[in-house]
PDB file of N, CA and C in Angstrom:
ATOM      1  N   MET A   1      15.637 -25.338 -49.710  1.00  0.00           N
ATOM      2  CA  MET A   1      14.256 -24.944 -49.976  1.00  0.00           C
ATOM      3  C   MET A   1      14.133 -24.351 -51.380  1.00  0.00           C
ATOM      4  N   LYS A   2      15.054 -23.464 -51.731  1.00  0.00           N
ATOM      5  CA  LYS A   2      14.998 -22.837 -53.051  1.00  0.00           C
ATOM      6  C   LYS A   2      15.125 -23.878 -54.164  1.00  0.00           C
ATOM      7  N   GLU A   3      15.971 -24.896 -53.938  1.00  0.00           N
ATOM      8  CA  GLU A   3      16.133 -25.960 -54.929  1.00  0.00           C
ATOM      9  C   GLU A   3      14.834 -26.745 -55.094  1.00  0.00           C
ATOM     10  N   GLU A   4      14.141 -26.978 -54.000  1.00  0.00           N
ATOM     11  CA  GLU A   4      12.865 -27.708 -54.044  1.00  0.00           C
ATOM     12  C   GLU A   4      11.837 -26.928 -54.865  1.00  0.00           C
ATOM     13  N   ILE A   5      11.795 -25.628 -54.673  1.00  0.00           N
ATOM     14  CA  ILE A   5      10.866 -24.783 -55.428  1.00  0.00           C
ATOM     15  C   ILE A   5      11.221 -24.818 -56.913  1.00  0.00           C
ATOM     16  N   GLN A   6      12.505 -24.728 -57.217  1.00  0.00           N
ATOM     17  CA  GLN A   6      12.936 -24.763 -58.617  1.00  0.00           C
ATOM     18  C   GLN A   6      12.580 -26.103 -59.260  1.00  0.00           C
ATOM     19  N   GLU A   7      12.712 -27.184 -58.500  1.00  0.00           N
ATOM     20  CA  GLU A   7      12.367 -28.512 -59.012  1.00  0.00           C
ATOM     21  C   GLU A   7      10.871 -28.599 -59.320  1.00  0.00           C
ATOM     22  N   LYS A   8      10.056 -28.047 -58.442  1.00  0.00           N
ATOM     23  CA  LYS A   8       8.610 -28.049 -58.667  1.00  0.00           C
ATOM     24  C   LYS A   8       8.253 -27.195 -59.880  1.00  0.00           C
ATOM     25  N   ARG A   9       8.926 -26.053 -60.043  1.00  0.00           N
ATOM     26  CA  ARG A   9       8.679 -25.205 -61.216  1.00  0.00           C
ATOM     27  C   ARG A   9       9.033 -25.956 -62.498  1.00  0.00           C
ATOM     28  N   LYS A  10      10.130 -26.705 -62.479  1.00  0.00           N
ATOM     29  CA  LYS A  10      10.535 -27.472 -63.661  1.00  0.00           C
ATOM     30  C   LYS A  10       9.483 -28.536 -63.993  1.00  0.00           C
ATOM     31  N   LYS A  11       8.963 -29.180 -62.960  1.00  0.00           N
ATOM     32  CA  LYS A  11       7.927 -30.193 -63.172  1.00  0.00           C
ATOM     33  C   LYS A  11       6.685 -29.549 -63.793  1.00  0.00           C
ATOM     34  N   LEU A  12       6.297 -28.383 -63.275  1.00  0.00           N
ATOM     35  CA  LEU A  12       5.128 -27.693 -63.816  1.00  0.00           C
ATOM     36  C   LEU A  12       5.387 -27.207 -65.236  1.00  0.00           C
ATOM     37  N   GLN A  13       6.603 -26.762 -65.517  1.00  0.00           N
ATOM     38  CA  GLN A  13       6.936 -26.332 -66.874  1.00  0.00           C
ATOM     39  C   GLN A  13       6.827 -27.494 -67.860  1.00  0.00           C
ATOM     40  N   ALA A  14       7.289 -28.675 -67.444  1.00  0.00           N
ATOM     41  CA  ALA A  14       7.198 -29.853 -68.319  1.00  0.00           C
ATOM     42  C   ALA A  14       5.737 -30.229 -68.562  1.00  0.00           C
ATOM     43  N   LEU A  15       4.936 -30.210 -67.517  1.00  0.00           N
ATOM     44  CA  LEU A  15       3.514 -30.506 -67.658  1.00  0.00           C
ATOM     45  C   LEU A  15       2.824 -29.448 -68.523  1.00  0.00           C
ATOM     46  N   SER A  16       3.311 -28.225 -68.423  1.00  0.00           N
ATOM     47  CA  SER A  16       2.742 -27.122 -69.205  1.00  0.00           C
ATOM     48  C   SER A  16       2.980 -27.302 -70.699  1.00  0.00           C
ATOM     49  N   LEU A  17       4.041 -27.998 -71.072  1.00  0.00           N
ATOM     50  CA  LEU A  17       4.280 -28.271 -72.493  1.00  0.00           C
ATOM     51  C   LEU A  17       3.166 -29.153 -73.058  1.00  0.00           C
ATOM     52  N   LEU A  18       2.716 -30.117 -72.264  1.00  0.00           N
ATOM     53  CA  LEU A  18       1.579 -30.943 -72.698  1.00  0.00           C
ATOM     54  C   LEU A  18       0.319 -30.092 -72.797  1.00  0.00           C
ATOM     55  N   ALA A  19       0.141 -29.205 -71.825  1.00  0.00           N
ATOM     56  CA  ALA A  19      -1.029 -28.325 -71.834  1.00  0.00           C
ATOM     57  C   ALA A  19      -0.969 -27.368 -73.028  1.00  0.00           C
ATOM     58  N   LYS A  20       0.234 -26.921 -73.361  1.00  0.00           N
ATOM     59  CA  LYS A  20       0.397 -26.006 -74.503  1.00  0.00           C
ATOM     60  C   LYS A  20      -0.046 -26.680 -75.803  1.00  0.00           C
ATOM     61  N   ALA A  21       0.231 -27.961 -75.920  1.00  0.00           N
ATOM     62  CA  ALA A  21      -0.204 -28.707 -77.109  1.00  0.00           C
ATOM     63  C   ALA A  21      -1.721 -28.704 -77.213  1.00  0.00           C
ATOM     64  N   LEU A  22      -2.404 -28.800 -76.074  1.00  0.00           N
ATOM     65  CA  LEU A  22      -3.870 -28.744 -76.075  1.00  0.00           C
ATOM     66  C   LEU A  22      -4.366 -27.368 -76.517  1.00  0.00           C
ATOM     67  N   VAL A  23      -3.649 -26.322 -76.105  1.00  0.00           N
ATOM     68  CA  VAL A  23      -3.999 -24.960 -76.521  1.00  0.00           C
ATOM     69  C   VAL A  23      -3.822 -24.831 -78.038  1.00  0.00           C
ATOM     70  N   GLU A  24      -2.703 -25.321 -78.535  1.00  0.00           N
ATOM     71  CA  GLU A  24      -2.413 -25.220 -79.967  1.00  0.00           C
ATOM     72  C   GLU A  24      -3.418 -25.988 -80.819  1.00  0.00           C
ATOM     73  N   ARG A  25      -3.971 -27.061 -80.281  1.00  0.00           N
ATOM     74  CA  ARG A  25      -4.986 -27.840 -81.004  1.00  0.00           C
ATOM     75  C   ARG A  25      -6.388 -27.275 -80.834  1.00  0.00           C
ATOM     76  N   GLY A  26      -6.523 -26.234 -80.017  1.00  0.00           N
ATOM     77  CA  GLY A  26      -7.823 -25.617 -79.813  1.00  0.00           C
ATOM     78  C   GLY A  26      -8.715 -26.337 -78.817  1.00  0.00           C
ATOM     79  N   ARG A  27      -8.168 -27.281 -78.075  1.00  0.00           N
ATOM     80  CA  ARG A  27      -8.969 -28.023 -77.083  1.00  0.00           C
ATOM     81  C   ARG A  27      -9.285 -27.151 -75.861  1.00  0.00           C
ATOM     82  N   VAL A  28      -8.351 -26.269 -75.511  1.00  0.00           N
ATOM     83  CA  VAL A  28      -8.525 -25.357 -74.378  1.00  0.00           C
ATOM     84  C   VAL A  28      -7.958 -23.994 -74.782  1.00  0.00           C
ATOM     85  N   GLU A  29      -8.267 -22.971 -73.989  1.00  0.00           N
ATOM     86  CA  GLU A  29      -7.805 -21.623 -74.340  1.00  0.00           C
ATOM     87  C   GLU A  29      -6.521 -21.201 -73.637  1.00  0.00           C
ATOM     88  N   THR A  30      -6.259 -21.743 -72.443  1.00  0.00           N
ATOM     89  CA  THR A  30      -5.081 -21.307 -71.684  1.00  0.00           C
ATOM     90  C   THR A  30      -4.288 -22.521 -71.187  1.00  0.00           C
ATOM     91  N   ILE A  31      -3.050 -22.255 -70.796  1.00  0.00           N
ATOM     92  CA  ILE A  31      -2.205 -23.306 -70.234  1.00  0.00           C
ATOM     93  C   ILE A  31      -2.853 -23.879 -68.975  1.00  0.00           C
ATOM     94  N   ASN A  32      -3.364 -23.011 -68.090  1.00  0.00           N
ATOM     95  CA  ASN A  32      -3.998 -23.511 -66.866  1.00  0.00           C
ATOM     96  C   ASN A  32      -5.217 -24.375 -67.174  1.00  0.00           C
ATOM     97  N   GLU A  33      -6.000 -24.010 -68.185  1.00  0.00           N
ATOM     98  CA  GLU A  33      -7.130 -24.859 -68.576  1.00  0.00           C
ATOM     99  C   GLU A  33      -6.619 -26.210 -69.062  1.00  0.00           C
ATOM    100  N   GLY A  34      -5.504 -26.187 -69.764  1.00  0.00           N
ATOM    101  CA  GLY A  34      -4.885 -27.430 -70.229  1.00  0.00           C
ATOM    102  C   GLY A  34      -4.401 -28.283 -69.071  1.00  0.00           C
ATOM    103  N   LEU A  35      -3.801 -27.647 -68.065  1.00  0.00           N
ATOM    104  CA  LEU A  35      -3.361 -28.382 -66.880  1.00  0.00           C
ATOM    105  C   LEU A  35      -4.552 -29.009 -66.164  1.00  0.00           C
ATOM    106  N   LYS A  36      -5.635 -28.238 -66.038  1.00  0.00           N
ATOM    107  CA  LYS A  36      -6.847 -28.765 -65.395  1.00  0.00           C
ATOM    108  C   LYS A  36      -7.410 -29.945 -66.184  1.00  0.00           C
ATOM    109  N   PHE A  37      -7.357 -29.852 -67.513  1.00  0.00           N
ATOM    110  CA  PHE A  37      -7.806 -30.943 -68.377  1.00  0.00           C
ATOM    111  C   PHE A  37      -6.976 -32.200 -68.120  1.00  0.00           C
ATOM    112  N   LEU A  38      -5.659 -32.033 -68.002  1.00  0.00           N
ATOM    113  CA  LEU A  38      -4.776 -33.169 -67.732  1.00  0.00           C
ATOM    114  C   LEU A  38      -5.059 -33.765 -66.354  1.00  0.00           C
ATOM    115  N   TYR A  39      -5.255 -32.917 -65.359  1.00  0.00           N
ATOM    116  CA  TYR A  39      -5.573 -33.408 -64.016  1.00  0.00           C
ATOM    117  C   TYR A  39      -6.916 -34.147 -64.023  1.00  0.00           C
ATOM    118  N   LYS A  40      -7.853 -33.627 -64.802  1.00  0.00           N
ATOM    119  CA  LYS A  40      -9.192 -34.238 -64.869  1.00  0.00           C
ATOM    120  C   LYS A  40      -9.109 -35.666 -65.407  1.00  0.00           C
ATOM    121  N   SER A  41      -8.167 -35.922 -66.302  1.00  0.00           N
ATOM    122  CA  SER A  41      -8.018 -37.270 -66.852  1.00  0.00           C
ATOM    123  C   SER A  41      -7.590 -38.270 -65.777  1.00  0.00           C
ATOM    124  N   ASP A  42      -7.095 -37.767 -64.644  1.00  0.00           N
ATOM    125  CA  ASP A  42      -6.744 -38.617 -63.500  1.00  0.00           C
ATOM    126  C   ASP A  42      -7.834 -38.600 -62.429  1.00  0.00           C
ATOM    127  N   GLY A  43      -8.995 -38.040 -62.757  1.00  0.00           N
ATOM    128  CA  GLY A  43     -10.113 -38.037 -61.824  1.00  0.00           C
ATOM    129  C   GLY A  43     -10.201 -36.825 -60.917  1.00  0.00           C
ATOM    130  N   HIS A  44      -9.353 -35.854 -61.145  1.00  0.00           N
ATOM    131  CA  HIS A  44      -9.375 -34.623 -60.341  1.00  0.00           C
ATOM    132  C   HIS A  44     -10.366 -33.644 -60.969  1.00  0.00           C
ATOM    133  N   GLU A  45     -11.638 -33.831 -60.647  1.00  0.00           N
ATOM    134  CA  GLU A  45     -12.733 -33.089 -61.274  1.00  0.00           C
ATOM    135  C   GLU A  45     -12.863 -31.648 -60.791  1.00  0.00           C
ATOM    136  N   ASP A  46     -12.852 -31.458 -59.486  1.00  0.00           N
ATOM    137  CA  ASP A  46     -13.134 -30.154 -58.885  1.00  0.00           C
ATOM    138  C   ASP A  46     -11.880 -29.661 -58.174  1.00  0.00           C
ATOM    139  N   LEU A  47     -11.298 -28.577 -58.646  1.00  0.00           N
ATOM    140  CA  LEU A  47     -10.064 -28.045 -58.065  1.00  0.00           C
ATOM    141  C   LEU A  47     -10.352 -26.763 -57.300  1.00  0.00           C
ATOM    142  N   LYS A  48      -9.859 -26.714 -56.060  1.00  0.00           N
ATOM    143  CA  LYS A  48     -10.025 -25.525 -55.221  1.00  0.00           C
ATOM    144  C   LYS A  48      -8.781 -25.357 -54.366  1.00  0.00           C
ATOM    145  N   THR A  49      -8.591 -24.151 -53.864  1.00  0.00           N
ATOM    146  CA  THR A  49      -7.509 -23.909 -52.922  1.00  0.00           C
ATOM    147  C   THR A  49      -7.871 -24.529 -51.575  1.00  0.00           C
ATOM    148  N   PHE A  50      -6.889 -24.633 -50.707  1.00  0.00           N
ATOM    149  CA  PHE A  50      -7.125 -25.150 -49.359  1.00  0.00           C
ATOM    150  C   PHE A  50      -8.223 -24.339 -48.678  1.00  0.00           C
ATOM    151  N   LYS A  51      -8.121 -23.029 -48.801  1.00  0.00           N
ATOM    152  CA  LYS A  51      -9.100 -22.139 -48.160  1.00  0.00           C
ATOM    153  C   LYS A  51     -10.502 -22.351 -48.732  1.00  0.00           C
ATOM    154  N   GLN A  52     -10.608 -22.495 -50.042  1.00  0.00           N
ATOM    155  CA  GLN A  52     -11.910 -22.704 -50.666  1.00  0.00           C
ATOM    156  C   GLN A  52     -12.544 -24.022 -50.219  1.00  0.00           C
ATOM    157  N   TRP A  53     -11.738 -25.084 -50.096  1.00  0.00           N
ATOM    158  CA  TRP A  53     -12.279 -26.347 -49.605  1.00  0.00           C
ATOM    159  C   TRP A  53     -12.768 -26.189 -48.175  1.00  0.00           C
ATOM    160  N   LYS A  54     -11.979 -25.502 -47.345  1.00  0.00           N
ATOM    161  CA  LYS A  54     -12.355 -25.312 -45.948  1.00  0.00           C
ATOM    162  C   LYS A  54     -13.676 -24.543 -45.851  1.00  0.00           C
ATOM    163  N   GLU A  55     -13.829 -23.511 -46.674  1.00  0.00           N
ATOM    164  CA  GLU A  55     -15.064 -22.725 -46.686  1.00  0.00           C
ATOM    165  C   GLU A  55     -16.266 -23.563 -47.117  1.00  0.00           C
ATOM    166  N   SER A  56     -16.018 -24.619 -47.890  1.00  0.00           N
ATOM    167  CA  SER A  56     -17.119 -25.475 -48.347  1.00  0.00           C
ATOM    168  C   SER A  56     -17.338 -26.671 -47.426  1.00  0.00           C
ATOM    169  N   GLY A  57     -16.681 -26.672 -46.253  1.00  0.00           N
ATOM    170  CA  GLY A  57     -16.902 -27.732 -45.278  1.00  0.00           C
ATOM    171  C   GLY A  57     -16.053 -28.971 -45.484  1.00  0.00           C
ATOM    172  N   GLN A  58     -15.014 -28.861 -46.292  1.00  0.00           N
ATOM    173  CA  GLN A  58     -14.126 -29.985 -46.567  1.00  0.00           C
ATOM    174  C   GLN A  58     -12.722 -29.644 -46.061  1.00  0.00           C
ATOM    175  N   THR A  59     -11.942 -30.674 -45.822  1.00  0.00           N
ATOM    176  CA  THR A  59     -10.549 -30.476 -45.461  1.00  0.00           C
ATOM    177  C   THR A  59      -9.685 -31.414 -46.299  1.00  0.00           C
ATOM    178  N   VAL A  60      -8.462 -31.011 -46.529  1.00  0.00           N
ATOM    179  CA  VAL A  60      -7.544 -31.831 -47.310  1.00  0.00           C
ATOM    180  C   VAL A  60      -7.071 -32.990 -46.441  1.00  0.00           C
ATOM    181  N   LYS A  61      -7.102 -34.184 -47.009  1.00  0.00           N
ATOM    182  CA  LYS A  61      -6.663 -35.377 -46.287  1.00  0.00           C
ATOM    183  C   LYS A  61      -5.178 -35.263 -45.958  1.00  0.00           C
ATOM    184  N   LYS A  62      -4.815 -35.758 -44.808  1.00  0.00           N
ATOM    185  CA  LYS A  62      -3.428 -35.729 -44.365  1.00  0.00           C
ATOM    186  C   LYS A  62      -2.518 -36.423 -45.382  1.00  0.00           C
ATOM    187  N   GLY A  63      -1.414 -35.761 -45.706  1.00  0.00           N
ATOM    188  CA  GLY A  63      -0.429 -36.328 -46.624  1.00  0.00           C
ATOM    189  C   GLY A  63      -0.647 -36.023 -48.089  1.00  0.00           C
ATOM    190  N   GLU A  64      -1.774 -35.410 -48.441  1.00  0.00           N
ATOM    191  CA  GLU A  64      -2.040 -35.088 -49.844  1.00  0.00           C
ATOM    192  C   GLU A  64      -1.151 -33.930 -50.299  1.00  0.00           C
ATOM    193  N   LYS A  65      -0.700 -34.004 -51.524  1.00  0.00           N
ATOM    194  CA  LYS A  65       0.126 -32.949 -52.125  1.00  0.00           C
ATOM    195  C   LYS A  65      -0.728 -32.151 -53.095  1.00  0.00           C
ATOM    196  N   GLY A  66      -0.533 -30.845 -53.094  1.00  0.00           N
ATOM    197  CA  GLY A  66      -1.294 -29.987 -53.977  1.00  0.00           C
ATOM    198  C   GLY A  66      -0.942 -30.200 -55.444  1.00  0.00           C
ATOM    199  N   LEU A  67      -1.911 -29.962 -56.293  1.00  0.00           N
ATOM    200  CA  LEU A  67      -1.707 -29.966 -57.739  1.00  0.00           C
ATOM    201  C   LEU A  67      -1.296 -28.556 -58.134  1.00  0.00           C
ATOM    202  N   MET A  68      -0.367 -28.455 -59.049  1.00  0.00           N
ATOM    203  CA  MET A  68       0.192 -27.145 -59.386  1.00  0.00           C
ATOM    204  C   MET A  68      -0.481 -26.510 -60.594  1.00  0.00           C
ATOM    205  N   LEU A  69      -0.715 -25.218 -60.459  1.00  0.00           N
ATOM    206  CA  LEU A  69      -1.173 -24.358 -61.551  1.00  0.00           C
ATOM    207  C   LEU A  69      -0.319 -23.105 -61.520  1.00  0.00           C
ATOM    208  N   TRP A  70      -0.411 -22.322 -62.569  1.00  0.00           N
ATOM    209  CA  TRP A  70       0.280 -21.027 -62.599  1.00  0.00           C
ATOM    210  C   TRP A  70      -0.631 -19.962 -61.998  1.00  0.00           C
ATOM    211  N   ALA A  71      -0.076 -19.163 -61.089  1.00  0.00           N
ATOM    212  CA  ALA A  71      -0.812 -18.039 -60.512  1.00  0.00           C
ATOM    213  C   ALA A  71      -0.662 -16.833 -61.430  1.00  0.00           C
ATOM    214  N   LYS A  72      -1.391 -15.770 -61.129  1.00  0.00           N
ATOM    215  CA  LYS A  72      -1.249 -14.536 -61.905  1.00  0.00           C
ATOM    216  C   LYS A  72       0.180 -14.026 -61.787  1.00  0.00           C
ATOM    217  N   PRO A  73       0.693 -13.418 -62.860  1.00  0.00           N
ATOM    218  CA  PRO A  73       2.060 -12.887 -62.793  1.00  0.00           C
ATOM    219  C   PRO A  73       2.193 -11.863 -61.669  1.00  0.00           C
ATOM    220  N   LEU A  74       3.350 -11.838 -61.058  1.00  0.00           N
ATOM    221  CA  LEU A  74       3.554 -10.932 -59.932  1.00  0.00           C
ATOM    222  C   LEU A  74       3.340  -9.476 -60.307  1.00  0.00           C
ATOM    223  N   HIS A  75       3.722  -9.080 -61.512  1.00  0.00           N
ATOM    224  CA  HIS A  75       3.528  -7.667 -61.877  1.00  0.00           C
ATOM    225  C   HIS A  75       2.044  -7.314 -61.905  1.00  0.00           C
ATOM    226  N   VAL A  76       1.187  -8.286 -62.183  1.00  0.00           N
ATOM    227  CA  VAL A  76      -0.259  -8.043 -62.147  1.00  0.00           C
ATOM    228  C   VAL A  76      -0.715  -7.924 -60.699  1.00  0.00           C
ATOM    229  N   LEU A  77      -0.204  -8.816 -59.856  1.00  0.00           N
ATOM    230  CA  LEU A  77      -0.577  -8.784 -58.448  1.00  0.00           C
ATOM    231  C   LEU A  77      -0.080  -7.508 -57.769  1.00  0.00           C
ATOM    232  N   LYS A  78       1.115  -7.072 -58.137  1.00  0.00           N
ATOM    233  CA  LYS A  78       1.704  -5.875 -57.542  1.00  0.00           C
ATOM    234  C   LYS A  78       1.308  -4.604 -58.294  1.00  0.00           C
ATOM    235  N   GLU A  79       0.700  -4.782 -59.476  1.00  0.00           N
ATOM    236  CA  GLU A  79       0.341  -3.683 -60.364  1.00  0.00           C
ATOM    237  C   GLU A  79       1.560  -2.856 -60.766  1.00  0.00           C
ATOM    238  N   GLN A  80       2.679  -3.542 -60.946  1.00  0.00           N
ATOM    239  CA  GLN A  80       3.885  -2.896 -61.455  1.00  0.00           C
ATOM    240  C   GLN A  80       4.709  -3.946 -62.203  1.00  0.00           C
ATOM    241  N   PRO A  81       5.461  -3.524 -63.212  1.00  0.00           N
ATOM    242  CA  PRO A  81       6.239  -4.503 -63.973  1.00  0.00           C
ATOM    243  C   PRO A  81       7.434  -5.021 -63.172  1.00  0.00           C
ATOM    244  N   GLU A  82       7.882  -6.217 -63.526  1.00  0.00           N
ATOM    245  CA  GLU A  82       9.101  -6.760 -62.944  1.00  0.00           C
ATOM    246  C   GLU A  82      10.276  -5.942 -63.477  1.00  0.00           C
ATOM    247  N   PRO A  83      11.415  -5.933 -62.776  1.00  0.00           N
ATOM    248  CA  PRO A  83      12.563  -5.122 -63.209  1.00  0.00           C
ATOM    249  C   PRO A  83      13.016  -5.384 -64.642  1.00  0.00           C
ATOM    250  N   ASP A  84      13.004  -6.647 -65.078  1.00  0.00           N
ATOM    251  CA  ASP A  84      13.440  -6.952 -66.443  1.00  0.00           C
ATOM    252  C   ASP A  84      12.300  -6.868 -67.453  1.00  0.00           C
ATOM    253  N   GLY A  85      11.103  -6.506 -66.996  1.00  0.00           N
ATOM    254  CA  GLY A  85       9.961  -6.357 -67.886  1.00  0.00           C
ATOM    255  C   GLY A  85       9.189  -7.638 -68.133  1.00  0.00           C
ATOM    256  N   ALA A  86       9.777  -8.791 -67.811  1.00  0.00           N
ATOM    257  CA  ALA A  86       9.100 -10.065 -68.038  1.00  0.00           C
ATOM    258  C   ALA A  86       8.282 -10.451 -66.808  1.00  0.00           C
ATOM    259  N   PRO A  87       7.087 -10.973 -67.015  1.00  0.00           N
ATOM    260  CA  PRO A  87       6.281 -11.383 -65.866  1.00  0.00           C
ATOM    261  C   PRO A  87       6.862 -12.639 -65.217  1.00  0.00           C
ATOM    262  N   TYR A  88       6.734 -12.727 -63.923  1.00  0.00           N
ATOM    263  CA  TYR A  88       7.121 -13.923 -63.176  1.00  0.00           C
ATOM    264  C   TYR A  88       5.839 -14.575 -62.700  1.00  0.00           C
ATOM    265  N   PHE A  89       5.609 -15.799 -63.149  1.00  0.00           N
ATOM    266  CA  PHE A  89       4.403 -16.520 -62.771  1.00  0.00           C
ATOM    267  C   PHE A  89       4.712 -17.429 -61.580  1.00  0.00           C
ATOM    268  N   PRO A  90       4.172 -17.130 -60.412  1.00  0.00           N
ATOM    269  CA  PRO A  90       4.365 -18.021 -59.268  1.00  0.00           C
ATOM    270  C   PRO A  90       3.558 -19.309 -59.447  1.00  0.00           C
ATOM    271  N   VAL A  91       3.932 -20.316 -58.687  1.00  0.00           N
ATOM    272  CA  VAL A  91       3.200 -21.576 -58.675  1.00  0.00           C
ATOM    273  C   VAL A  91       2.138 -21.486 -57.589  1.00  0.00           C
ATOM    274  N   MET A  92       0.926 -21.908 -57.909  1.00  0.00           N
ATOM    275  CA  MET A  92      -0.126 -21.985 -56.895  1.00  0.00           C
ATOM    276  C   MET A  92      -0.541 -23.444 -56.756  1.00  0.00           C
ATOM    277  N   TYR A  93      -1.024 -23.777 -55.598  1.00  0.00           N
ATOM    278  CA  TYR A  93      -1.412 -25.160 -55.320  1.00  0.00           C
ATOM    279  C   TYR A  93      -2.913 -25.245 -55.087  1.00  0.00           C
ATOM    280  N   VAL A  94      -3.512 -26.249 -55.689  1.00  0.00           N
ATOM    281  CA  VAL A  94      -4.939 -26.536 -55.506  1.00  0.00           C
ATOM    282  C   VAL A  94      -5.067 -28.014 -55.148  1.00  0.00           C
ATOM    283  N   PHE A  95      -6.223 -28.346 -54.630  1.00  0.00           N
ATOM    284  CA  PHE A  95      -6.516 -29.727 -54.271  1.00  0.00           C
ATOM    285  C   PHE A  95      -7.806 -30.133 -54.959  1.00  0.00           C
ATOM    286  N   SER A  96      -7.952 -31.417 -55.187  1.00  0.00           N
ATOM    287  CA  SER A  96      -9.129 -31.892 -55.919  1.00  0.00           C
ATOM    288  C   SER A  96     -10.103 -32.612 -55.001  1.00  0.00           C
ATOM    289  N   ASN A  97     -11.243 -32.925 -55.596  1.00  0.00           N
ATOM    290  CA  ASN A  97     -12.280 -33.689 -54.914  1.00  0.00           C
ATOM    291  C   ASN A  97     -11.759 -35.033 -54.410  1.00  0.00           C
ATOM    292  N   LYS A  98     -10.739 -35.586 -55.039  1.00  0.00           N
ATOM    293  CA  LYS A  98     -10.164 -36.862 -54.621  1.00  0.00           C
ATOM    294  C   LYS A  98      -9.291 -36.727 -53.372  1.00  0.00           C
ATOM    295  N   GLN A  99      -8.936 -35.504 -53.011  1.00  0.00           N
ATOM    296  CA  GLN A  99      -7.982 -35.270 -51.947  1.00  0.00           C
ATOM    297  C   GLN A  99      -8.600 -34.684 -50.673  1.00  0.00           C
ATOM    298  N   VAL A 100      -9.910 -34.594 -50.632  1.00  0.00           N
ATOM    299  CA  VAL A 100     -10.560 -33.958 -49.481  1.00  0.00           C
ATOM    300  C   VAL A 100     -11.576 -34.885 -48.842  1.00  0.00           C
ATOM    301  N   GLU A 101     -11.972 -34.511 -47.619  1.00  0.00           N
ATOM    302  CA  GLU A 101     -12.998 -35.225 -46.883  1.00  0.00           C
ATOM    303  C   GLU A 101     -13.747 -34.220 -46.035  1.00  0.00           C
ATOM    304  N   PRO A 102     -14.959 -34.557 -45.590  1.00  0.00           N
ATOM    305  CA  PRO A 102     -15.716 -33.609 -44.754  1.00  0.00           C
ATOM    306  C   PRO A 102     -14.952 -33.298 -43.464  1.00  0.00           C
ATOM    307  N   ILE A 103     -15.078 -32.061 -43.027  1.00  0.00           N
ATOM    308  CA  ILE A 103     -14.478 -31.653 -41.767  1.00  0.00           C
ATOM    309  C   ILE A 103     -15.239 -32.328 -40.640  1.00  0.00           C
ATOM    310  N   LYS A 104     -14.498 -32.962 -39.751  1.00  0.00           N
ATOM    311  CA  LYS A 104     -15.120 -33.620 -38.602  1.00  0.00           C
ATOM    312  C   LYS A 104     -15.268 -32.583 -37.480  1.00  0.00           C
ATOM    313  N   ASN A 105     -16.457 -32.465 -36.956  1.00  0.00           N
ATOM    314  CA  ASN A 105     -16.693 -31.516 -35.870  1.00  0.00           C
ATOM    315  C   ASN A 105     -16.062 -32.027 -34.587  1.00  0.00           C
ATOM    316  N   ALA A 106     -15.222 -31.174 -34.001  1.00  0.00           N
ATOM    317  CA  ALA A 106     -14.599 -31.532 -32.721  1.00  0.00           C
ATOM    318  C   ALA A 106     -15.595 -31.249 -31.618  1.00  0.00           C
ATOM    319  N   ALA A 107     -15.877 -32.237 -30.806  1.00  0.00           N
ATOM    320  CA  ALA A 107     -16.848 -32.054 -29.718  1.00  0.00           C
ATOM    321  C   ALA A 107     -16.176 -32.066 -28.375  1.00  0.00           C
TER     322      ALA A 107
END
């Protein structure tokens, strides 16, 4: 499991390098905005968490994989610094308009 998480972090780090180039060119202000820009080029217009989609009456289609963004650093979430002083950015998952469908009412 830990190896799988590390592999996903590496994938997000590589994608973040492309997003960083967009930041450096002034196209976007943050890495996450750059990631969203890259996802948008594949038709992923509206990004929300699983919970946010559910609250809006949508559900994620079976088998869909979340798109990765960087979450707030843990020291911000915990309101305390990490032991080595460097922030640790967890991976968060969002889903797009292409990955959801209306919730079917169970009768």
